[in-house]
Amino acid sequence: MYKSIIRPILFLFDPEKVHHFSFSLIKILSKIGVLSLARPFFSLEDKRLEREVFGIKFKNPVGLAAGFDKNAVLYNELSNFGFGFIEIGTLTPKTQEGNPKKRLFRLKADSAIINRMGFNNEGVFEAVERLKKEHKIIIGGNIGKNKVTPNEEAINDYLICYDALFDYVDYFVVNVSSPNTPGLRELQDKEPLTKLLKELEVANKKLAVEKSVKRKPILLKIAPDLTDAQLLDIIEIVSDTKINGVIATNTTIERKNLKSPSQIVEENGGLSGKPLKNRSTEVIRFLAEKSNKAFPIIGVGGIHSPEDALEKLTAGADLIQLWTGFIYEGPILVKKINRAILKQEV
């Protein structure tokens, strides 16, 4: 029904406007109890799906990637679609508009999306107010820097977000890999990235001691466009800084073998969806093999089917996340993936 009726209607309209409309609709359906009633249709509850990764127990390995619920508006409502965890953000210290519209483009022939949103969000402190509600699901906090903050001062932005979110999220993701904030990917270079992650770990341990709680897991989200040499640096950085793992991968700036009209393909921004599938899996496999599976990996990029998900898990991912596949295939994809995982384990 979603792919034959709902999606064709939604795809008639501007994708960013559809996103906001969908949020309003989900809120309404939740308030009148429809989502709760529909939960068994989307969810698959089974102890065999549980995964313990970086000290957290996930009810299943399928999560919603950052960028969908940037401002922590719908995390409890979205949990009705069967996700094992939801990642909010990317959040920055100050509210920012992001890049000028139009900044979100569908590549229908490629089952893909190009976005150049530019970390548009209401700021970390607005999100914190919403996160004070009871959580029905594991929440990850994806953090970044404001566009106006120079790279040499970026650490302060990440620390502000980290401190604000510490009590309200279950794990953190350091985003230095979005192609839509000028200069941000320069922070993936070995020296600045090591310094940033070490500073966050110092803050992590300090807050944990002050609050008499365990430190929060920290993960690094990386670009799919890194070379093998840069990926080897990532493995070394994870070992050196003692962070908990990697999310592979963010969107790509590559535009190879696309079928969509050139005027859309040539739009600036990060490409997600099916064209990213193979490269993100290659990165997962490389990290897992070269590190001898020394740290957990969350696989994301081009997952549009149960087979895509199993491929990521086989390559070395411990958990997976959806974003573009969720939009193209609909919420039933979560249950289909979990069912396939169960079948594989029999």
C-alpha atoms as a PDB file:
ATOM      1  CA  MET A   1       0.000   0.000   0.000  1.00  0.00           C
ATOM      2  CA  TYR A   2       2.799   2.425   0.865  1.00  0.00           C
ATOM      3  CA  LYS A   3       4.746   1.947  -2.388  1.00  0.00           C
ATOM      4  CA  SER A   4       1.675   1.667  -4.614  1.00  0.00           C
ATOM      5  CA  ILE A   5      -0.513   4.448  -3.171  1.00  0.00           C
ATOM      6  CA  ILE A   6       1.034   6.573  -0.415  1.00  0.00           C
ATOM      7  CA  ARG A   7       4.545   7.084  -1.835  1.00  0.00           C
ATOM      8  CA  PRO A   8       3.416   8.145  -5.345  1.00  0.00           C
ATOM      9  CA  ILE A   9       1.194  10.813  -3.783  1.00  0.00           C
ATOM     10  CA  LEU A  10       3.893  12.064  -1.403  1.00  0.00           C
ATOM     11  CA  PHE A  11       6.457  12.143  -4.202  1.00  0.00           C
ATOM     12  CA  LEU A  12       4.310  14.631  -6.135  1.00  0.00           C
ATOM     13  CA  PHE A  13       5.327  17.355  -3.675  1.00  0.00           C
ATOM     14  CA  ASP A  14       8.511  19.072  -2.516  1.00  0.00           C
ATOM     15  CA  PRO A  15      10.467  16.579  -0.357  1.00  0.00           C
ATOM     16  CA  GLU A  16      11.177  18.980   2.518  1.00  0.00           C
ATOM     17  CA  LYS A  17       7.518  20.026   2.719  1.00  0.00           C
ATOM     18  CA  VAL A  18       6.513  16.348   2.642  1.00  0.00           C
ATOM     19  CA  HIS A  19       8.895  15.673   5.535  1.00  0.00           C
ATOM     20  CA  HIS A  20       7.205  18.328   7.689  1.00  0.00           C
ATOM     21  CA  PHE A  21       3.746  17.138   6.621  1.00  0.00           C
ATOM     22  CA  SER A  22       4.651  13.550   7.535  1.00  0.00           C
ATOM     23  CA  PHE A  23       5.796  14.674  10.987  1.00  0.00           C
ATOM     24  CA  SER A  24       2.475  16.461  11.568  1.00  0.00           C
ATOM     25  CA  LEU A  25       0.541  13.402  10.382  1.00  0.00           C
ATOM     26  CA  ILE A  26       2.536  11.018  12.602  1.00  0.00           C
ATOM     27  CA  LYS A  27       1.885  13.285  15.605  1.00  0.00           C
ATOM     28  CA  ILE A  28      -1.860  13.333  14.895  1.00  0.00           C
ATOM     29  CA  LEU A  29      -2.018   9.553  14.392  1.00  0.00           C
ATOM     30  CA  SER A  30      -0.151   9.071  17.647  1.00  0.00           C
ATOM     31  CA  LYS A  31      -2.432  11.382  19.623  1.00  0.00           C
ATOM     32  CA  ILE A  32      -5.584   9.586  18.483  1.00  0.00           C
ATOM     33  CA  GLY A  33      -4.051   6.190  19.222  1.00  0.00           C
ATOM     34  CA  VAL A  34      -3.739   4.887  15.663  1.00  0.00           C
ATOM     35  CA  LEU A  35       0.027   4.346  15.862  1.00  0.00           C
ATOM     36  CA  SER A  36      -0.240   2.352  19.065  1.00  0.00           C
ATOM     37  CA  LEU A  37      -2.846   0.118  17.464  1.00  0.00           C
ATOM     38  CA  ALA A  38      -0.678  -0.279  14.353  1.00  0.00           C
ATOM     39  CA  ARG A  39       2.482  -1.058  16.323  1.00  0.00           C
ATOM     40  CA  PRO A  40       2.107  -4.887  16.052  1.00  0.00           C
ATOM     41  CA  PHE A  41       1.916  -4.520  12.264  1.00  0.00           C
ATOM     42  CA  PHE A  42       5.329  -2.810  12.122  1.00  0.00           C
ATOM     43  CA  SER A  43       7.117  -4.335  15.112  1.00  0.00           C
ATOM     44  CA  LEU A  44       8.644  -7.749  15.611  1.00  0.00           C
ATOM     45  CA  GLU A  45       9.321  -8.645  19.221  1.00  0.00           C
ATOM     46  CA  ASP A  46      11.718 -11.527  19.734  1.00  0.00           C
ATOM     47  CA  LYS A  47      14.505 -12.052  22.279  1.00  0.00           C
ATOM     48  CA  ARG A  48      16.724 -13.462  19.528  1.00  0.00           C
ATOM     49  CA  LEU A  49      16.849 -10.010  17.927  1.00  0.00           C
ATOM     50  CA  GLU A  50      18.416  -8.419  21.000  1.00  0.00           C
ATOM     51  CA  ARG A  51      21.973  -7.145  20.657  1.00  0.00           C
ATOM     52  CA  GLU A  52      24.331  -5.864  23.331  1.00  0.00           C
ATOM     53  CA  VAL A  53      26.706  -3.370  21.736  1.00  0.00           C
ATOM     54  CA  PHE A  54      29.078  -0.952  23.515  1.00  0.00           C
ATOM     55  CA  GLY A  55      27.386  -1.821  26.811  1.00  0.00           C
ATOM     56  CA  ILE A  56      23.825  -1.047  25.652  1.00  0.00           C
ATOM     57  CA  LYS A  57      21.109  -3.637  25.074  1.00  0.00           C
ATOM     58  CA  PHE A  58      19.165  -2.993  21.859  1.00  0.00           C
ATOM     59  CA  LYS A  59      15.850  -4.818  21.396  1.00  0.00           C
ATOM     60  CA  ASN A  60      16.737  -5.277  17.719  1.00  0.00           C
ATOM     61  CA  PRO A  61      19.620  -4.140  15.484  1.00  0.00           C
ATOM     62  CA  VAL A  62      17.639  -1.848  13.149  1.00  0.00           C
ATOM     63  CA  GLY A  63      17.809   1.864  13.914  1.00  0.00           C
ATOM     64  CA  LEU A  64      16.741   5.155  12.372  1.00  0.00           C
ATOM     65  CA  ALA A  65      19.719   7.251  11.281  1.00  0.00           C
ATOM     66  CA  ALA A  66      20.345  10.863  12.210  1.00  0.00           C
ATOM     67  CA  GLY A  67      18.821  13.498   9.966  1.00  0.00           C
ATOM     68  CA  PHE A  68      15.249  12.225  10.126  1.00  0.00           C
ATOM     69  CA  ASP A  69      14.282  13.463  13.604  1.00  0.00           C
ATOM     70  CA  LYS A  70      16.870  16.216  13.901  1.00  0.00           C
ATOM     71  CA  ASN A  71      15.222  18.091  16.758  1.00  0.00           C
ATOM     72  CA  ALA A  72      14.041  15.147  18.896  1.00  0.00           C
ATOM     73  CA  VAL A  73      10.424  15.916  18.049  1.00  0.00           C
ATOM     74  CA  LEU A  74       9.079  12.421  17.282  1.00  0.00           C
ATOM     75  CA  TYR A  75      11.388   9.829  18.824  1.00  0.00           C
ATOM     76  CA  ASN A  76       8.669   8.182  20.937  1.00  0.00           C
ATOM     77  CA  GLU A  77       6.144   8.226  18.087  1.00  0.00           C
ATOM     78  CA  LEU A  78       8.679   6.803  15.632  1.00  0.00           C
ATOM     79  CA  SER A  79       9.414   3.941  18.032  1.00  0.00           C
ATOM     80  CA  ASN A  80       6.036   2.488  17.000  1.00  0.00           C
ATOM     81  CA  PHE A  81       7.545   1.576  13.619  1.00  0.00           C
ATOM     82  CA  GLY A  82       9.632  -1.181  15.186  1.00  0.00           C
ATOM     83  CA  PHE A  83      13.052   0.446  15.426  1.00  0.00           C
ATOM     84  CA  GLY A  84      15.552  -0.803  17.983  1.00  0.00           C
ATOM     85  CA  PHE A  85      17.005   2.688  18.411  1.00  0.00           C
ATOM     86  CA  ILE A  86      16.684   6.216  17.051  1.00  0.00           C
ATOM     87  CA  GLU A  87      19.450   8.735  16.480  1.00  0.00           C
ATOM     88  CA  ILE A  88      18.532  12.413  16.769  1.00  0.00           C
ATOM     89  CA  GLY A  89      20.436  15.357  15.282  1.00  0.00           C
ATOM     90  CA  THR A  90      22.764  16.481  13.972  1.00  0.00           C
ATOM     91  CA  LEU A  91      22.488  19.080  16.750  1.00  0.00           C
ATOM     92  CA  THR A  92      24.613  22.201  17.130  1.00  0.00           C
ATOM     93  CA  PRO A  93      24.949  24.583  20.093  1.00  0.00           C
ATOM     94  CA  LYS A  94      23.039  27.420  18.419  1.00  0.00           C
ATOM     95  CA  THR A  95      19.942  27.316  16.273  1.00  0.00           C
ATOM     96  CA  GLN A  96      20.778  27.531  12.590  1.00  0.00           C
ATOM     97  CA  GLU A  97      18.680  27.772   9.448  1.00  0.00           C
ATOM     98  CA  GLY A  98      20.902  25.556   7.354  1.00  0.00           C
ATOM     99  CA  ASN A  99      21.536  26.141   3.679  1.00  0.00           C
ATOM    100  CA  PRO A 100      19.115  28.063   1.437  1.00  0.00           C
ATOM    101  CA  LYS A 101      16.172  26.139   0.005  1.00  0.00           C
ATOM    102  CA  LYS A 102      15.735  24.193  -2.263  1.00  0.00           C
ATOM    103  CA  ARG A 103      18.158  21.779  -0.604  1.00  0.00           C
ATOM    104  CA  LEU A 104      16.577  18.314  -0.757  1.00  0.00           C
ATOM    105  CA  PHE A 105      16.192  16.410  -4.039  1.00  0.00           C
ATOM    106  CA  ARG A 106      14.766  13.017  -4.977  1.00  0.00           C
ATOM    107  CA  LEU A 107      16.548  10.920  -7.586  1.00  0.00           C
ATOM    108  CA  LYS A 108      13.648   8.583  -8.264  1.00  0.00           C
ATOM    109  CA  ALA A 109      15.358   6.599 -11.024  1.00  0.00           C
ATOM    110  CA  ASP A 110      18.170   5.782  -8.604  1.00  0.00           C
ATOM    111  CA  SER A 111      16.119   5.358  -5.393  1.00  0.00           C
ATOM    112  CA  ALA A 112      18.313   8.068  -3.918  1.00  0.00           C
ATOM    113  CA  ILE A 113      18.289  11.498  -2.328  1.00  0.00           C
ATOM    114  CA  ILE A 114      20.663  14.444  -2.506  1.00  0.00           C
ATOM    115  CA  ASN A 115      20.597  16.756   0.475  1.00  0.00           C
ATOM    116  CA  ARG A 116      22.517  19.874   1.378  1.00  0.00           C
ATOM    117  CA  MET A 117      20.530  20.723   4.487  1.00  0.00           C
ATOM    118  CA  GLY A 118      23.538  22.136   6.338  1.00  0.00           C
ATOM    119  CA  PHE A 119      22.813  21.032   9.924  1.00  0.00           C
ATOM    120  CA  ASN A 120      19.497  22.924  10.051  1.00  0.00           C
ATOM    121  CA  ASN A 121      18.281  22.496  13.642  1.00  0.00           C
ATOM    122  CA  GLU A 122      16.743  24.372  16.540  1.00  0.00           C
ATOM    123  CA  GLY A 123      19.825  24.009  18.715  1.00  0.00           C
ATOM    124  CA  VAL A 124      20.800  21.449  21.309  1.00  0.00           C
ATOM    125  CA  PHE A 125      19.027  23.139  24.215  1.00  0.00           C
ATOM    126  CA  GLU A 126      15.630  23.020  22.482  1.00  0.00           C
ATOM    127  CA  ALA A 127      16.161  19.309  21.850  1.00  0.00           C
ATOM    128  CA  VAL A 128      17.107  18.743  25.501  1.00  0.00           C
ATOM    129  CA  GLU A 129      13.746  20.131  26.618  1.00  0.00           C
ATOM    130  CA  ARG A 130      11.978  17.541  24.452  1.00  0.00           C
ATOM    131  CA  LEU A 131      14.271  14.741  25.606  1.00  0.00           C
ATOM    132  CA  LYS A 132      13.192  15.269  29.196  1.00  0.00           C
ATOM    133  CA  LYS A 133      10.109  13.183  28.348  1.00  0.00           C
ATOM    134  CA  GLU A 134      10.261   9.489  29.167  1.00  0.00           C
ATOM    135  CA  HIS A 135      12.047   7.529  26.443  1.00  0.00           C
ATOM    136  CA  LYS A 136      10.408   4.424  25.027  1.00  0.00           C
ATOM    137  CA  ILE A 137      13.499   3.608  22.976  1.00  0.00           C
ATOM    138  CA  ILE A 138      17.305   3.838  22.937  1.00  0.00           C
ATOM    139  CA  ILE A 139      18.341   7.346  21.809  1.00  0.00           C
ATOM    140  CA  GLY A 140      21.605   8.358  20.169  1.00  0.00           C
ATOM    141  CA  GLY A 141      22.721  11.981  20.062  1.00  0.00           C
ATOM    142  CA  ASN A 142      24.455  13.093  16.868  1.00  0.00           C
ATOM    143  CA  ILE A 143      26.461  16.288  17.450  1.00  0.00           C
ATOM    144  CA  GLY A 144      28.196  18.799  15.196  1.00  0.00           C
ATOM    145  CA  LYS A 145      29.474  22.357  15.004  1.00  0.00           C
ATOM    146  CA  ASN A 146      27.739  25.537  13.905  1.00  0.00           C
ATOM    147  CA  LYS A 147      28.585  26.782  10.426  1.00  0.00           C
ATOM    148  CA  VAL A 148      29.948  30.093  11.784  1.00  0.00           C
ATOM    149  CA  THR A 149      32.324  28.340  14.195  1.00  0.00           C
ATOM    150  CA  PRO A 150      35.843  28.124  12.726  1.00  0.00           C
ATOM    151  CA  ASN A 151      37.428  24.668  12.734  1.00  0.00           C
ATOM    152  CA  GLU A 152      40.049  25.719  15.271  1.00  0.00           C
ATOM    153  CA  GLU A 153      37.220  26.386  17.751  1.00  0.00           C
ATOM    154  CA  ALA A 154      35.066  23.391  16.755  1.00  0.00           C
ATOM    155  CA  ILE A 155      35.930  21.404  19.885  1.00  0.00           C
ATOM    156  CA  ASN A 156      33.994  23.925  21.997  1.00  0.00           C
ATOM    157  CA  ASP A 157      30.814  23.335  19.968  1.00  0.00           C
ATOM    158  CA  TYR A 158      31.069  19.561  20.350  1.00  0.00           C
ATOM    159  CA  LEU A 159      31.707  19.898  24.096  1.00  0.00           C
ATOM    160  CA  ILE A 160      28.687  22.189  24.548  1.00  0.00           C
ATOM    161  CA  CYS A 161      26.443  19.649  22.818  1.00  0.00           C
ATOM    162  CA  TYR A 162      27.987  16.773  24.706  1.00  0.00           C
ATOM    163  CA  ASP A 163      27.504  18.416  28.101  1.00  0.00           C
ATOM    164  CA  ALA A 164      23.897  19.409  27.329  1.00  0.00           C
ATOM    165  CA  LEU A 165      22.864  15.954  26.092  1.00  0.00           C
ATOM    166  CA  PHE A 166      24.766  13.776  28.573  1.00  0.00           C
ATOM    167  CA  ASP A 167      21.790  13.045  30.832  1.00  0.00           C
ATOM    168  CA  TYR A 168      19.328  12.487  28.004  1.00  0.00           C
ATOM    169  CA  VAL A 169      20.873  10.222  25.368  1.00  0.00           C
ATOM    170  CA  ASP A 170      22.257   6.689  25.546  1.00  0.00           C
ATOM    171  CA  TYR A 171      25.204   7.183  23.194  1.00  0.00           C
ATOM    172  CA  PHE A 172      26.891   9.959  21.216  1.00  0.00           C
ATOM    173  CA  VAL A 173      27.887  10.281  17.565  1.00  0.00           C
ATOM    174  CA  VAL A 174      30.525  12.776  16.491  1.00  0.00           C
ATOM    175  CA  ASN A 175      29.654  14.039  13.020  1.00  0.00           C
ATOM    176  CA  VAL A 176      32.669  15.400  11.152  1.00  0.00           C
ATOM    177  CA  SER A 177      31.691  13.837   7.831  1.00  0.00           C
ATOM    178  CA  SER A 178      28.748  15.821   6.468  1.00  0.00           C
ATOM    179  CA  PRO A 179      29.648  17.389   3.095  1.00  0.00           C
ATOM    180  CA  ASN A 180      27.171  20.242   3.656  1.00  0.00           C
ATOM    181  CA  THR A 181      29.016  22.375   6.231  1.00  0.00           C
ATOM    182  CA  PRO A 182      32.017  24.134   4.646  1.00  0.00           C
ATOM    183  CA  GLY A 183      35.318  22.779   5.942  1.00  0.00           C
ATOM    184  CA  LEU A 184      33.727  20.224   8.276  1.00  0.00           C
ATOM    185  CA  ARG A 185      35.321  17.188   6.615  1.00  0.00           C
ATOM    186  CA  GLU A 186      38.748  18.687   7.301  1.00  0.00           C
ATOM    187  CA  LEU A 187      38.128  17.636  10.905  1.00  0.00           C
ATOM    188  CA  GLN A 188      38.416  14.008   9.708  1.00  0.00           C
ATOM    189  CA  ASP A 189      42.152  14.530   9.265  1.00  0.00           C
ATOM    190  CA  LYS A 190      44.173  12.547  11.763  1.00  0.00           C
ATOM    191  CA  GLU A 191      45.529  15.321  13.981  1.00  0.00           C
ATOM    192  CA  PRO A 192      42.360  17.445  14.510  1.00  0.00           C
ATOM    193  CA  LEU A 193      40.149  14.372  14.795  1.00  0.00           C
ATOM    194  CA  THR A 194      42.377  12.740  17.424  1.00  0.00           C
ATOM    195  CA  LYS A 195      42.425  15.968  19.423  1.00  0.00           C
ATOM    196  CA  LEU A 196      38.640  16.357  19.227  1.00  0.00           C
ATOM    197  CA  LEU A 197      37.894  12.789  20.304  1.00  0.00           C
ATOM    198  CA  LYS A 198      40.404  12.892  23.146  1.00  0.00           C
ATOM    199  CA  GLU A 199      38.851  16.113  24.473  1.00  0.00           C
ATOM    200  CA  LEU A 200      35.403  14.500  24.351  1.00  0.00           C
ATOM    201  CA  GLU A 201      36.679  11.442  26.211  1.00  0.00           C
ATOM    202  CA  VAL A 202      38.123  13.667  28.944  1.00  0.00           C
ATOM    203  CA  ALA A 203      34.745  15.369  29.308  1.00  0.00           C
ATOM    204  CA  ASN A 204      33.039  11.969  29.183  1.00  0.00           C
ATOM    205  CA  LYS A 205      35.016  10.577  32.106  1.00  0.00           C
ATOM    206  CA  LYS A 206      34.703  13.800  34.098  1.00  0.00           C
ATOM    207  CA  LEU A 207      30.922  13.953  33.769  1.00  0.00           C
ATOM    208  CA  ALA A 208      30.581  10.256  34.572  1.00  0.00           C
ATOM    209  CA  VAL A 209      32.546  10.719  37.815  1.00  0.00           C
ATOM    210  CA  GLU A 210      30.643  13.879  38.770  1.00  0.00           C
ATOM    211  CA  LYS A 211      27.270  12.210  38.209  1.00  0.00           C
ATOM    212  CA  SER A 212      28.314   8.785  39.574  1.00  0.00           C
ATOM    213  CA  VAL A 213      27.249   7.042  36.360  1.00  0.00           C
ATOM    214  CA  LYS A 214      28.932   5.103  33.579  1.00  0.00           C
ATOM    215  CA  ARG A 215      30.609   7.028  30.766  1.00  0.00           C
ATOM    216  CA  LYS A 216      28.522   7.331  27.623  1.00  0.00           C
ATOM    217  CA  PRO A 217      29.611   5.480  24.474  1.00  0.00           C
ATOM    218  CA  ILE A 218      31.084   7.746  21.796  1.00  0.00           C
ATOM    219  CA  LEU A 219      31.031   6.804  18.102  1.00  0.00           C
ATOM    220  CA  LEU A 220      32.524   8.496  15.073  1.00  0.00           C
ATOM    221  CA  LYS A 221      30.501   8.909  11.867  1.00  0.00           C
ATOM    222  CA  ILE A 222      32.739   8.772   8.810  1.00  0.00           C
ATOM    223  CA  ALA A 223      32.397   9.602   5.119  1.00  0.00           C
ATOM    224  CA  PRO A 224      32.292   6.896   2.430  1.00  0.00           C
ATOM    225  CA  ASP A 225      34.739   8.951   0.366  1.00  0.00           C
ATOM    226  CA  LEU A 226      37.794   8.229   2.546  1.00  0.00           C
ATOM    227  CA  THR A 227      40.742   6.421   0.967  1.00  0.00           C
ATOM    228  CA  ASP A 228      42.094   3.139   2.326  1.00  0.00           C
ATOM    229  CA  ALA A 229      44.958   5.061   3.938  1.00  0.00           C
ATOM    230  CA  GLN A 230      42.478   7.363   5.664  1.00  0.00           C
ATOM    231  CA  LEU A 231      40.422   4.381   6.834  1.00  0.00           C
ATOM    232  CA  LEU A 232      43.562   2.871   8.347  1.00  0.00           C
ATOM    233  CA  ASP A 233      44.035   6.191  10.142  1.00  0.00           C
ATOM    234  CA  ILE A 234      40.468   5.884  11.477  1.00  0.00           C
ATOM    235  CA  ILE A 235      41.274   2.443  12.907  1.00  0.00           C
ATOM    236  CA  GLU A 236      44.359   3.870  14.599  1.00  0.00           C
ATOM    237  CA  ILE A 237      42.416   6.877  15.919  1.00  0.00           C
ATOM    238  CA  VAL A 238      39.695   4.678  17.420  1.00  0.00           C
ATOM    239  CA  SER A 239      42.369   2.624  19.176  1.00  0.00           C
ATOM    240  CA  ASP A 240      44.291   5.695  20.339  1.00  0.00           C
ATOM    241  CA  THR A 241      41.316   7.681  21.642  1.00  0.00           C
ATOM    242  CA  LYS A 242      39.458   4.683  23.107  1.00  0.00           C
ATOM    243  CA  ILE A 243      36.112   5.709  21.616  1.00  0.00           C
ATOM    244  CA  ASN A 244      33.528   2.951  21.250  1.00  0.00           C
ATOM    245  CA  GLY A 245      32.985   2.533  17.549  1.00  0.00           C
ATOM    246  CA  VAL A 246      32.265   3.876  14.079  1.00  0.00           C
ATOM    247  CA  ILE A 247      29.186   4.624  12.002  1.00  0.00           C
ATOM    248  CA  ALA A 248      29.883   3.807   8.356  1.00  0.00           C
ATOM    249  CA  THR A 249      28.851   5.762   6.428  1.00  0.00           C
ATOM    250  CA  ASN A 250      27.549   9.283   5.910  1.00  0.00           C
ATOM    251  CA  THR A 251      26.432  10.537   2.471  1.00  0.00           C
ATOM    252  CA  THR A 252      28.772  10.630  -0.509  1.00  0.00           C
ATOM    253  CA  ILE A 253      29.871  13.400  -2.866  1.00  0.00           C
ATOM    254  CA  GLU A 254      30.410  10.827  -5.663  1.00  0.00           C
ATOM    255  CA  ARG A 255      28.001  10.804  -8.627  1.00  0.00           C
ATOM    256  CA  LYS A 256      28.914   7.630 -10.517  1.00  0.00           C
ATOM    257  CA  ASN A 257      26.542   5.608 -12.737  1.00  0.00           C
ATOM    258  CA  LEU A 258      23.362   7.517 -11.907  1.00  0.00           C
ATOM    259  CA  LYS A 259      20.263   7.305 -14.115  1.00  0.00           C
ATOM    260  CA  SER A 260      18.432  10.440 -12.965  1.00  0.00           C
ATOM    261  CA  PRO A 261      18.355  13.657 -15.043  1.00  0.00           C
ATOM    262  CA  SER A 262      21.689  15.486 -15.022  1.00  0.00           C
ATOM    263  CA  GLN A 263      20.221  18.712 -13.644  1.00  0.00           C
ATOM    264  CA  ILE A 264      19.329  16.845 -10.431  1.00  0.00           C
ATOM    265  CA  VAL A 265      22.467  14.692 -10.326  1.00  0.00           C
ATOM    266  CA  GLU A 266      24.609  17.840 -10.534  1.00  0.00           C
ATOM    267  CA  GLU A 267      23.033  19.424  -7.450  1.00  0.00           C
ATOM    268  CA  ASN A 268      25.542  19.989  -4.644  1.00  0.00           C
ATOM    269  CA  GLY A 269      25.149  17.939  -1.482  1.00  0.00           C
ATOM    270  CA  GLY A 270      25.457  14.463  -0.075  1.00  0.00           C
ATOM    271  CA  LEU A 271      23.994  11.517  -1.975  1.00  0.00           C
ATOM    272  CA  SER A 272      22.224   8.745  -0.053  1.00  0.00           C
ATOM    273  CA  GLY A 273      20.221   5.694  -1.038  1.00  0.00           C
ATOM    274  CA  LYS A 274      20.861   2.718  -3.307  1.00  0.00           C
ATOM    275  CA  PRO A 275      23.910   4.164  -5.115  1.00  0.00           C
ATOM    276  CA  LEU A 276      25.727   4.300  -1.769  1.00  0.00           C
ATOM    277  CA  LYS A 277      25.055   0.660  -0.871  1.00  0.00           C
ATOM    278  CA  ASN A 278      28.175  -1.001  -2.239  1.00  0.00           C
ATOM    279  CA  ARG A 279      30.648   1.637  -1.074  1.00  0.00           C
ATOM    280  CA  SER A 280      29.292   1.751   2.477  1.00  0.00           C
ATOM    281  CA  THR A 281      29.500  -2.049   2.649  1.00  0.00           C
ATOM    282  CA  GLU A 282      33.089  -1.922   1.348  1.00  0.00           C
ATOM    283  CA  VAL A 283      34.002   0.528   4.132  1.00  0.00           C
ATOM    284  CA  ILE A 284      32.360  -1.670   6.768  1.00  0.00           C
ATOM    285  CA  ARG A 285      34.194  -4.756   5.520  1.00  0.00           C
ATOM    286  CA  PHE A 286      37.531  -2.912   5.337  1.00  0.00           C
ATOM    287  CA  LEU A 287      37.231  -1.571   8.892  1.00  0.00           C
ATOM    288  CA  ALA A 288      36.119  -4.925  10.295  1.00  0.00           C
ATOM    289  CA  GLU A 289      38.853  -6.928   8.581  1.00  0.00           C
ATOM    290  CA  LYS A 290      41.756  -4.506   9.005  1.00  0.00           C
ATOM    291  CA  SER A 291      40.964  -3.898  12.683  1.00  0.00           C
ATOM    292  CA  ASN A 292      40.295  -7.586  13.350  1.00  0.00           C
ATOM    293  CA  LYS A 293      36.833  -6.482  14.534  1.00  0.00           C
ATOM    294  CA  ALA A 294      38.378  -4.408  17.315  1.00  0.00           C
ATOM    295  CA  PHE A 295      35.346  -2.121  17.691  1.00  0.00           C
ATOM    296  CA  PRO A 296      31.610  -2.110  16.909  1.00  0.00           C
ATOM    297  CA  ILE A 297      30.360  -0.730  13.603  1.00  0.00           C
ATOM    298  CA  ILE A 298      26.922   0.658  12.797  1.00  0.00           C
ATOM    299  CA  GLY A 299      26.271   0.170   9.084  1.00  0.00           C
ATOM    300  CA  VAL A 300      24.230   2.705   7.145  1.00  0.00           C
ATOM    301  CA  GLY A 301      23.946   3.542   3.463  1.00  0.00           C
ATOM    302  CA  GLY A 302      21.712   2.133   0.743  1.00  0.00           C
ATOM    303  CA  ILE A 303      19.686  -0.326   2.810  1.00  0.00           C
ATOM    304  CA  HIS A 304      16.449  -0.768   0.858  1.00  0.00           C
ATOM    305  CA  SER A 305      15.764  -4.465   1.442  1.00  0.00           C
ATOM    306  CA  PRO A 306      16.362  -7.279   3.950  1.00  0.00           C
ATOM    307  CA  GLU A 307      19.119  -8.559   1.661  1.00  0.00           C
ATOM    308  CA  ASP A 308      20.887  -5.178   1.828  1.00  0.00           C
ATOM    309  CA  ALA A 309      20.717  -5.279   5.609  1.00  0.00           C
ATOM    310  CA  LEU A 310      22.062  -8.819   5.858  1.00  0.00           C
ATOM    311  CA  GLU A 311      24.911  -7.847   3.533  1.00  0.00           C
ATOM    312  CA  LYS A 312      25.940  -5.066   5.933  1.00  0.00           C
ATOM    313  CA  LEU A 313      25.752  -7.386   8.939  1.00  0.00           C
ATOM    314  CA  THR A 314      27.747 -10.085   7.159  1.00  0.00           C
ATOM    315  CA  ALA A 315      30.385  -7.503   6.211  1.00  0.00           C
ATOM    316  CA  GLY A 316      30.943  -6.711   9.879  1.00  0.00           C
ATOM    317  CA  ALA A 317      28.232  -4.323  11.075  1.00  0.00           C
ATOM    318  CA  ASP A 318      26.856  -4.969  14.568  1.00  0.00           C
ATOM    319  CA  LEU A 319      23.836  -2.717  14.073  1.00  0.00           C
ATOM    320  CA  ILE A 320      22.336  -0.998  11.031  1.00  0.00           C
ATOM    321  CA  GLN A 321      20.451   2.221  10.363  1.00  0.00           C
ATOM    322  CA  LEU A 322      17.879   3.307   7.783  1.00  0.00           C
ATOM    323  CA  TRP A 323      17.140   6.712   6.326  1.00  0.00           C
ATOM    324  CA  THR A 324      16.598   6.921   2.569  1.00  0.00           C
ATOM    325  CA  GLY A 325      15.407   3.305   2.449  1.00  0.00           C
ATOM    326  CA  PHE A 326      12.792   4.134   5.081  1.00  0.00           C
ATOM    327  CA  ILE A 327      11.465   6.898   2.819  1.00  0.00           C
ATOM    328  CA  TYR A 328      11.462   4.842  -0.396  1.00  0.00           C
ATOM    329  CA  GLU A 329      10.340   1.477   0.984  1.00  0.00           C
ATOM    330  CA  GLY A 330       8.129   2.581   3.879  1.00  0.00           C
ATOM    331  CA  PRO A 331       8.058   1.652   7.579  1.00  0.00           C
ATOM    332  CA  ILE A 332       7.326  -2.027   6.934  1.00  0.00           C
ATOM    333  CA  LEU A 333      10.986  -2.367   5.900  1.00  0.00           C
ATOM    334  CA  VAL A 334      12.019  -2.483   9.580  1.00  0.00           C
ATOM    335  CA  LYS A 335       9.929  -5.577  10.260  1.00  0.00           C
ATOM    336  CA  LYS A 336      11.024  -7.241   7.009  1.00  0.00           C
ATOM    337  CA  ILE A 337      14.676  -6.829   7.988  1.00  0.00           C
ATOM    338  CA  ASN A 338      14.156  -8.176  11.502  1.00  0.00           C
ATOM    339  CA  ARG A 339      12.236 -11.150  10.110  1.00  0.00           C
ATOM    340  CA  ALA A 340      15.109 -11.894   7.704  1.00  0.00           C
ATOM    341  CA  ILE A 341      17.614 -11.715  10.569  1.00  0.00           C
ATOM    342  CA  LEU A 342      15.590 -14.262  12.528  1.00  0.00           C
ATOM    343  CA  LYS A 343      15.391 -16.589   9.537  1.00  0.00           C
ATOM    344  CA  GLN A 344      19.141 -16.387   9.057  1.00  0.00           C
ATOM    345  CA  GLU A 345      19.710 -17.346  12.703  1.00  0.00           C
ATOM    346  CA  VAL A 346      17.503 -20.457  12.563  1.00  0.00           C
END
